[in-house]
Amino acid sequence: PTALPTPTASPTPHPPELGNSFRLQNPGFEGIRDNIIPGWNWWAFDNYSPKEDYDPATSFETPLFKQADDPARFINGPTLQIDGAGFLKFRAYVFQSVSVGPGTAVRFSAAASAYTDAKAINVAVGVDPNGGPGCQNAHWGTVRKLHQNDGVVRLVAPLVTAGPTGWVTLCLYAEPLYPVVNNAAFFDDAVLIVIP
C-alpha cells in the first residue's frame, strides 16, 4: 500500500505558468456512476473486514467514488465525491496516465474541498513522471488538511519532467484524519499545464 504522500520540495506560491493546457480525459469528473469515473482509475487501501477486529486508527475500507449529489458540495458543476463508510477511514487515489512526450515539463493541479464531522481530511495532488500504473512513485504537492469551513482550494503538484516513455500519471489523494460518520473529499477542474 502507498503511504501518506510526502510533499516534493517546490517554491511556494507557484508563479503563473507560461504554457499550454493539455487536454485530459474528463477533467470535470462528469458522468460518474458508483465507482466508475470515466477517463480515470482509482485505488484504495482496504484492510477491514466485518469479521475481524475493528481498530479506529488502523481500519481502512474502500470508499464510494460517486458524483456529488449535494449542490452545496459542487465545486464547478459535476464534482467527484469520495465518500467514506461510517466510522472507517479510507486512503484513496484517483489517477490518469497521459502521453506528453519525453522530456516535457508539466504541472498538474485540481480543485478540492472536504466535508467531515471531525477535524480534517488530507488531500493532495501529484505526478509520476514515468507514467507508472498508479501513484506509488508520484511527486506530491503539499498535503492540505481540509474541513468544510476551508471552502474550495487549488492543489498544485510540483513541476516534473516526463521520463523517457513520455507518459505521466496524474494523481489525486484523500484520507480522513479520523474515522467518523461523515467523511467526504471532493475534486473537480483537473488541469495539466505543459511548459515548453
C-alpha atoms as a PDB file:
ATOM      1  CA  PRO A   1       0.000   0.000   0.000  1.00  0.00           C
ATOM      2  CA  THR A   2       1.058   3.537  -0.715  1.00  0.00           C
ATOM      3  CA  ALA A   3       1.628   5.538   2.456  1.00  0.00           C
ATOM      4  CA  LEU A   4       0.779   9.183   3.054  1.00  0.00           C
ATOM      5  CA  PRO A   5       2.290  11.213   0.228  1.00  0.00           C
ATOM      6  CA  THR A   6       5.480  13.053   1.063  1.00  0.00           C
ATOM      7  CA  PRO A   7       5.445  16.533  -0.473  1.00  0.00           C
ATOM      8  CA  THR A   8       8.162  17.167  -3.022  1.00  0.00           C
ATOM      9  CA  ALA A   9      10.015  20.413  -2.332  1.00  0.00           C
ATOM     10  CA  SER A  10       8.984  23.241  -4.641  1.00  0.00           C
ATOM     11  CA  PRO A  11       8.742  27.012  -4.253  1.00  0.00           C
ATOM     12  CA  THR A  12       5.516  28.405  -2.828  1.00  0.00           C
ATOM     13  CA  PRO A  13       3.497  30.171  -4.035  1.00  0.00           C
ATOM     14  CA  HIS A  14       3.802  28.991  -7.594  1.00  0.00           C
ATOM     15  CA  PRO A  15       4.134  31.773 -10.169  1.00  0.00           C
ATOM     16  CA  PRO A  16       1.765  31.644 -13.134  1.00  0.00           C
ATOM     17  CA  GLU A  17       2.986  29.109 -15.672  1.00  0.00           C
ATOM     18  CA  LEU A  18       3.661  30.144 -19.237  1.00  0.00           C
ATOM     19  CA  GLY A  19       2.470  27.046 -21.001  1.00  0.00           C
ATOM     20  CA  ASN A  20      -0.423  25.322 -22.654  1.00  0.00           C
ATOM     21  CA  SER A  21      -3.271  23.430 -21.061  1.00  0.00           C
ATOM     22  CA  PHE A  22      -3.140  19.742 -22.023  1.00  0.00           C
ATOM     23  CA  ARG A  23      -6.435  18.070 -22.881  1.00  0.00           C
ATOM     24  CA  LEU A  24      -7.236  15.494 -20.190  1.00  0.00           C
ATOM     25  CA  GLN A  25      -9.948  12.862 -20.274  1.00  0.00           C
ATOM     26  CA  ASN A  26     -12.904  14.079 -18.213  1.00  0.00           C
ATOM     27  CA  PRO A  27     -11.136  16.854 -16.234  1.00  0.00           C
ATOM     28  CA  GLY A  28     -14.510  17.949 -14.817  1.00  0.00           C
ATOM     29  CA  PHE A  29     -15.392  14.482 -13.455  1.00  0.00           C
ATOM     30  CA  GLU A  30     -18.677  14.175 -15.317  1.00  0.00           C
ATOM     31  CA  GLY A  31     -20.793  11.058 -15.791  1.00  0.00           C
ATOM     32  CA  ILE A  32     -19.589   9.265 -12.658  1.00  0.00           C
ATOM     33  CA  ARG A  33     -21.519   6.165 -11.625  1.00  0.00           C
ATOM     34  CA  ASP A  34     -20.799   4.222  -8.445  1.00  0.00           C
ATOM     35  CA  ASN A  35     -17.053   3.512  -8.516  1.00  0.00           C
ATOM     36  CA  ILE A  36     -16.777   4.248 -12.265  1.00  0.00           C
ATOM     37  CA  ILE A  37     -15.056   7.538 -13.118  1.00  0.00           C
ATOM     38  CA  PRO A  38     -14.884   7.906 -16.922  1.00  0.00           C
ATOM     39  CA  GLY A  39     -11.294   8.584 -18.016  1.00  0.00           C
ATOM     40  CA  TRP A  40      -9.859   7.903 -14.548  1.00  0.00           C
ATOM     41  CA  ASN A  41      -8.844   4.869 -12.477  1.00  0.00           C
ATOM     42  CA  TRP A  42      -8.850   4.532  -8.715  1.00  0.00           C
ATOM     43  CA  TRP A  43      -7.190   2.500  -5.988  1.00  0.00           C
ATOM     44  CA  ALA A  44      -7.925   2.346  -2.263  1.00  0.00           C
ATOM     45  CA  PHE A  45      -6.156   0.699   0.649  1.00  0.00           C
ATOM     46  CA  ASP A  46      -8.575  -1.768   2.259  1.00  0.00           C
ATOM     47  CA  ASN A  47      -7.690  -3.915   5.263  1.00  0.00           C
ATOM     48  CA  TYR A  48     -11.039  -4.072   7.058  1.00  0.00           C
ATOM     49  CA  SER A  49     -13.417  -6.990   7.220  1.00  0.00           C
ATOM     50  CA  PRO A  50     -16.506  -7.047   9.463  1.00  0.00           C
ATOM     51  CA  LYS A  51     -15.331 -10.494  10.631  1.00  0.00           C
ATOM     52  CA  GLU A  52     -12.109  -9.030  12.074  1.00  0.00           C
ATOM     53  CA  ASP A  53     -11.384  -6.727  14.988  1.00  0.00           C
ATOM     54  CA  TYR A  54     -12.087  -3.063  14.347  1.00  0.00           C
ATOM     55  CA  ASP A  55      -9.359  -0.562  15.203  1.00  0.00           C
ATOM     56  CA  PRO A  56     -10.344   3.079  14.601  1.00  0.00           C
ATOM     57  CA  ALA A  57      -6.731   4.088  13.968  1.00  0.00           C
ATOM     58  CA  THR A  58      -5.804   1.345  11.517  1.00  0.00           C
ATOM     59  CA  SER A  59      -9.022   0.024   9.933  1.00  0.00           C
ATOM     60  CA  PHE A  60      -9.436   1.215   6.332  1.00  0.00           C
ATOM     61  CA  GLU A  61     -12.240   0.412   3.897  1.00  0.00           C
ATOM     62  CA  THR A  62     -12.700   1.221   0.221  1.00  0.00           C
ATOM     63  CA  PRO A  63     -14.799   4.385  -0.110  1.00  0.00           C
ATOM     64  CA  LEU A  64     -17.531   5.014  -2.659  1.00  0.00           C
ATOM     65  CA  PHE A  65     -16.461   7.059  -5.691  1.00  0.00           C
ATOM     66  CA  LYS A  66     -19.536   8.895  -6.962  1.00  0.00           C
ATOM     67  CA  GLN A  67     -20.923  12.085  -8.473  1.00  0.00           C
ATOM     68  CA  ALA A  68     -21.533  14.625  -5.707  1.00  0.00           C
ATOM     69  CA  ASP A  69     -25.284  14.850  -5.155  1.00  0.00           C
ATOM     70  CA  ASP A  70     -25.487  17.856  -2.802  1.00  0.00           C
ATOM     71  CA  PRO A  71     -25.351  21.160  -4.747  1.00  0.00           C
ATOM     72  CA  ALA A  72     -23.713  22.749  -1.691  1.00  0.00           C
ATOM     73  CA  ARG A  73     -20.709  20.476  -2.327  1.00  0.00           C
ATOM     74  CA  PHE A  74     -20.397  21.095  -6.071  1.00  0.00           C
ATOM     75  CA  ILE A  75     -17.125  22.799  -6.946  1.00  0.00           C
ATOM     76  CA  ASN A  76     -17.882  23.683 -10.584  1.00  0.00           C
ATOM     77  CA  GLY A  77     -20.880  21.668 -11.727  1.00  0.00           C
ATOM     78  CA  PRO A  78     -20.372  17.883 -11.659  1.00  0.00           C
ATOM     79  CA  THR A  79     -17.870  17.019  -8.929  1.00  0.00           C
ATOM     80  CA  LEU A  80     -16.132  13.800  -7.846  1.00  0.00           C
ATOM     81  CA  GLN A  81     -17.098  12.762  -4.301  1.00  0.00           C
ATOM     82  CA  ILE A  82     -15.024  10.183  -2.418  1.00  0.00           C
ATOM     83  CA  ASP A  83     -17.367   9.066   0.347  1.00  0.00           C
ATOM     84  CA  GLY A  84     -16.228   7.051   3.345  1.00  0.00           C
ATOM     85  CA  ALA A  85     -18.179   4.367   5.183  1.00  0.00           C
ATOM     86  CA  GLY A  86     -19.289   5.376   8.675  1.00  0.00           C
ATOM     87  CA  PHE A  87     -16.620   5.051  11.381  1.00  0.00           C
ATOM     88  CA  LEU A  88     -13.968   3.770   8.947  1.00  0.00           C
ATOM     89  CA  LYS A  89     -11.091   5.668   7.405  1.00  0.00           C
ATOM     90  CA  PHE A  90     -10.155   5.495   3.738  1.00  0.00           C
ATOM     91  CA  ARG A  91      -6.939   6.071   1.791  1.00  0.00           C
ATOM     92  CA  ALA A  92      -7.870   6.663  -1.825  1.00  0.00           C
ATOM     93  CA  TYR A  93      -6.139   7.586  -5.067  1.00  0.00           C
ATOM     94  CA  VAL A  94      -7.698   8.603  -8.385  1.00  0.00           C
ATOM     95  CA  PHE A  95      -5.350   8.700 -11.372  1.00  0.00           C
ATOM     96  CA  GLN A  96      -4.994   9.082 -15.137  1.00  0.00           C
ATOM     97  CA  SER A  97      -1.979   8.468 -17.393  1.00  0.00           C
ATOM     98  CA  VAL A  98      -1.338  10.697 -20.412  1.00  0.00           C
ATOM     99  CA  SER A  99       1.351  10.879 -23.086  1.00  0.00           C
ATOM    100  CA  VAL A 100       3.052  14.292 -23.215  1.00  0.00           C
ATOM    101  CA  GLY A 101       6.361  13.340 -24.861  1.00  0.00           C
ATOM    102  CA  PRO A 102       9.781  12.569 -23.337  1.00  0.00           C
ATOM    103  CA  GLY A 103      11.433  15.489 -21.540  1.00  0.00           C
ATOM    104  CA  THR A 104       8.245  17.576 -21.399  1.00  0.00           C
ATOM    105  CA  ALA A 105       7.835  19.693 -18.246  1.00  0.00           C
ATOM    106  CA  VAL A 106       4.349  19.538 -16.710  1.00  0.00           C
ATOM    107  CA  ARG A 107       2.484  20.804 -13.679  1.00  0.00           C
ATOM    108  CA  PHE A 108      -0.809  19.259 -12.500  1.00  0.00           C
ATOM    109  CA  SER A 109      -3.472  20.892 -10.338  1.00  0.00           C
ATOM    110  CA  ALA A 110      -7.054  20.266  -9.236  1.00  0.00           C
ATOM    111  CA  ALA A 111      -9.705  21.965  -7.135  1.00  0.00           C
ATOM    112  CA  ALA A 112     -10.622  20.236  -3.860  1.00  0.00           C
ATOM    113  CA  SER A 113     -12.868  20.568  -0.834  1.00  0.00           C
ATOM    114  CA  ALA A 114     -13.992  18.358   2.049  1.00  0.00           C
ATOM    115  CA  TYR A 115     -16.843  17.589   4.418  1.00  0.00           C
ATOM    116  CA  THR A 116     -16.185  15.847   7.720  1.00  0.00           C
ATOM    117  CA  ASP A 117     -17.608  15.508  11.222  1.00  0.00           C
ATOM    118  CA  ALA A 118     -14.035  15.614  12.517  1.00  0.00           C
ATOM    119  CA  LYS A 119     -11.047  17.905  12.208  1.00  0.00           C
ATOM    120  CA  ALA A 120      -9.980  17.446   8.582  1.00  0.00           C
ATOM    121  CA  ILE A 121      -9.292  15.274   5.551  1.00  0.00           C
ATOM    122  CA  ASN A 122      -5.820  15.106   3.994  1.00  0.00           C
ATOM    123  CA  VAL A 123      -5.829  15.853   0.255  1.00  0.00           C
ATOM    124  CA  ALA A 124      -3.042  16.287  -2.304  1.00  0.00           C
ATOM    125  CA  VAL A 125      -2.198  16.041  -5.997  1.00  0.00           C
ATOM    126  CA  GLY A 126       0.915  14.559  -7.557  1.00  0.00           C
ATOM    127  CA  VAL A 127       2.522  13.374 -10.789  1.00  0.00           C
ATOM    128  CA  ASP A 128       4.516  10.235 -11.546  1.00  0.00           C
ATOM    129  CA  PRO A 129       6.954  11.491 -14.211  1.00  0.00           C
ATOM    130  CA  ASN A 130       7.460   7.947 -15.524  1.00  0.00           C
ATOM    131  CA  GLY A 131       3.775   7.186 -16.128  1.00  0.00           C
ATOM    132  CA  GLY A 132       3.509   4.313 -13.656  1.00  0.00           C
ATOM    133  CA  PRO A 133       0.287   2.281 -13.318  1.00  0.00           C
ATOM    134  CA  GLY A 134      -0.673   4.025 -10.062  1.00  0.00           C
ATOM    135  CA  CYS A 135       0.528   6.687  -7.654  1.00  0.00           C
ATOM    136  CA  GLN A 136       3.311   4.821  -5.805  1.00  0.00           C
ATOM    137  CA  ASN A 137       6.064   6.935  -7.410  1.00  0.00           C
ATOM    138  CA  ALA A 138       4.272  10.265  -7.684  1.00  0.00           C
ATOM    139  CA  HIS A 139       5.954  13.538  -6.789  1.00  0.00           C
ATOM    140  CA  TRP A 140       3.423  15.101  -4.409  1.00  0.00           C
ATOM    141  CA  GLY A 141       2.454  18.678  -3.756  1.00  0.00           C
ATOM    142  CA  THR A 142       1.719  19.907  -0.250  1.00  0.00           C
ATOM    143  CA  VAL A 143      -0.746  17.722   1.670  1.00  0.00           C
ATOM    144  CA  ARG A 144      -3.591  20.013   2.767  1.00  0.00           C
ATOM    145  CA  LYS A 145      -5.798  19.296   5.765  1.00  0.00           C
ATOM    146  CA  LEU A 146      -9.267  20.426   4.648  1.00  0.00           C
ATOM    147  CA  HIS A 147     -12.515  20.938   6.539  1.00  0.00           C
ATOM    148  CA  GLN A 148     -15.765  22.197   5.017  1.00  0.00           C
ATOM    149  CA  ASN A 149     -15.083  25.652   6.501  1.00  0.00           C
ATOM    150  CA  ASP A 150     -11.983  25.904   4.282  1.00  0.00           C
ATOM    151  CA  GLY A 151     -14.073  26.101   1.119  1.00  0.00           C
ATOM    152  CA  VAL A 152     -12.506  25.164  -2.212  1.00  0.00           C
ATOM    153  CA  VAL A 153      -8.714  25.181  -2.584  1.00  0.00           C
ATOM    154  CA  ARG A 154      -6.488  24.655  -5.603  1.00  0.00           C
ATOM    155  CA  LEU A 155      -3.986  21.838  -5.041  1.00  0.00           C
ATOM    156  CA  VAL A 156      -0.785  22.063  -7.089  1.00  0.00           C
ATOM    157  CA  ALA A 157       1.787  19.344  -7.755  1.00  0.00           C
ATOM    158  CA  PRO A 158       5.462  20.195  -8.239  1.00  0.00           C
ATOM    159  CA  LEU A 159       6.806  20.781 -11.724  1.00  0.00           C
ATOM    160  CA  VAL A 160       8.112  17.489 -13.150  1.00  0.00           C
ATOM    161  CA  THR A 161       9.731  16.421 -16.404  1.00  0.00           C
ATOM    162  CA  ALA A 162       8.339  13.390 -18.228  1.00  0.00           C
ATOM    163  CA  GLY A 163      10.712  10.424 -18.383  1.00  0.00           C
ATOM    164  CA  PRO A 164      11.898   8.517 -21.460  1.00  0.00           C
ATOM    165  CA  THR A 165       8.492   6.971 -22.243  1.00  0.00           C
ATOM    166  CA  GLY A 166       6.819  10.387 -22.392  1.00  0.00           C
ATOM    167  CA  TRP A 167       3.957   9.210 -20.180  1.00  0.00           C
ATOM    168  CA  VAL A 168       2.999  10.838 -16.860  1.00  0.00           C
ATOM    169  CA  THR A 169       0.432   9.689 -14.297  1.00  0.00           C
ATOM    170  CA  LEU A 170      -1.693  12.370 -12.620  1.00  0.00           C
ATOM    171  CA  CYS A 171      -2.810  11.562  -9.074  1.00  0.00           C
ATOM    172  CA  LEU A 172      -5.403  12.758  -6.565  1.00  0.00           C
ATOM    173  CA  TYR A 173      -5.173  11.611  -2.930  1.00  0.00           C
ATOM    174  CA  ALA A 174      -7.624  11.755   0.004  1.00  0.00           C
ATOM    175  CA  GLU A 175      -7.521  10.331   3.544  1.00  0.00           C
ATOM    176  CA  PRO A 176      -9.562  11.400   6.597  1.00  0.00           C
ATOM    177  CA  LEU A 177      -7.680  12.069   9.814  1.00  0.00           C
ATOM    178  CA  TYR A 178     -10.342  10.346  11.932  1.00  0.00           C
ATOM    179  CA  PRO A 179     -12.963   7.610  11.395  1.00  0.00           C
ATOM    180  CA  VAL A 180     -16.281   9.411  11.892  1.00  0.00           C
ATOM    181  CA  VAL A 181     -19.757   9.048  10.387  1.00  0.00           C
ATOM    182  CA  ASN A 182     -19.296  11.662   7.634  1.00  0.00           C
ATOM    183  CA  ASN A 183     -16.024  11.872   5.710  1.00  0.00           C
ATOM    184  CA  ALA A 184     -16.038  13.003   2.086  1.00  0.00           C
ATOM    185  CA  ALA A 185     -13.452  14.557  -0.220  1.00  0.00           C
ATOM    186  CA  PHE A 186     -14.401  16.418  -3.396  1.00  0.00           C
ATOM    187  CA  PHE A 187     -12.338  17.052  -6.558  1.00  0.00           C
ATOM    188  CA  ASP A 188     -13.005  18.970  -9.763  1.00  0.00           C
ATOM    189  CA  ASP A 189     -11.358  21.030 -12.517  1.00  0.00           C
ATOM    190  CA  ALA A 190      -8.220  18.958 -13.097  1.00  0.00           C
ATOM    191  CA  VAL A 191      -5.660  20.874 -15.178  1.00  0.00           C
ATOM    192  CA  LEU A 192      -2.357  19.782 -16.695  1.00  0.00           C
ATOM    193  CA  ILE A 193      -0.083  22.562 -17.937  1.00  0.00           C
ATOM    194  CA  VAL A 194       2.602  21.640 -20.460  1.00  0.00           C
ATOM    195  CA  ILE A 195       5.560  24.017 -20.305  1.00  0.00           C
ATOM    196  CA  PRO A 196       7.681  24.448 -23.435  1.00  0.00           C
END
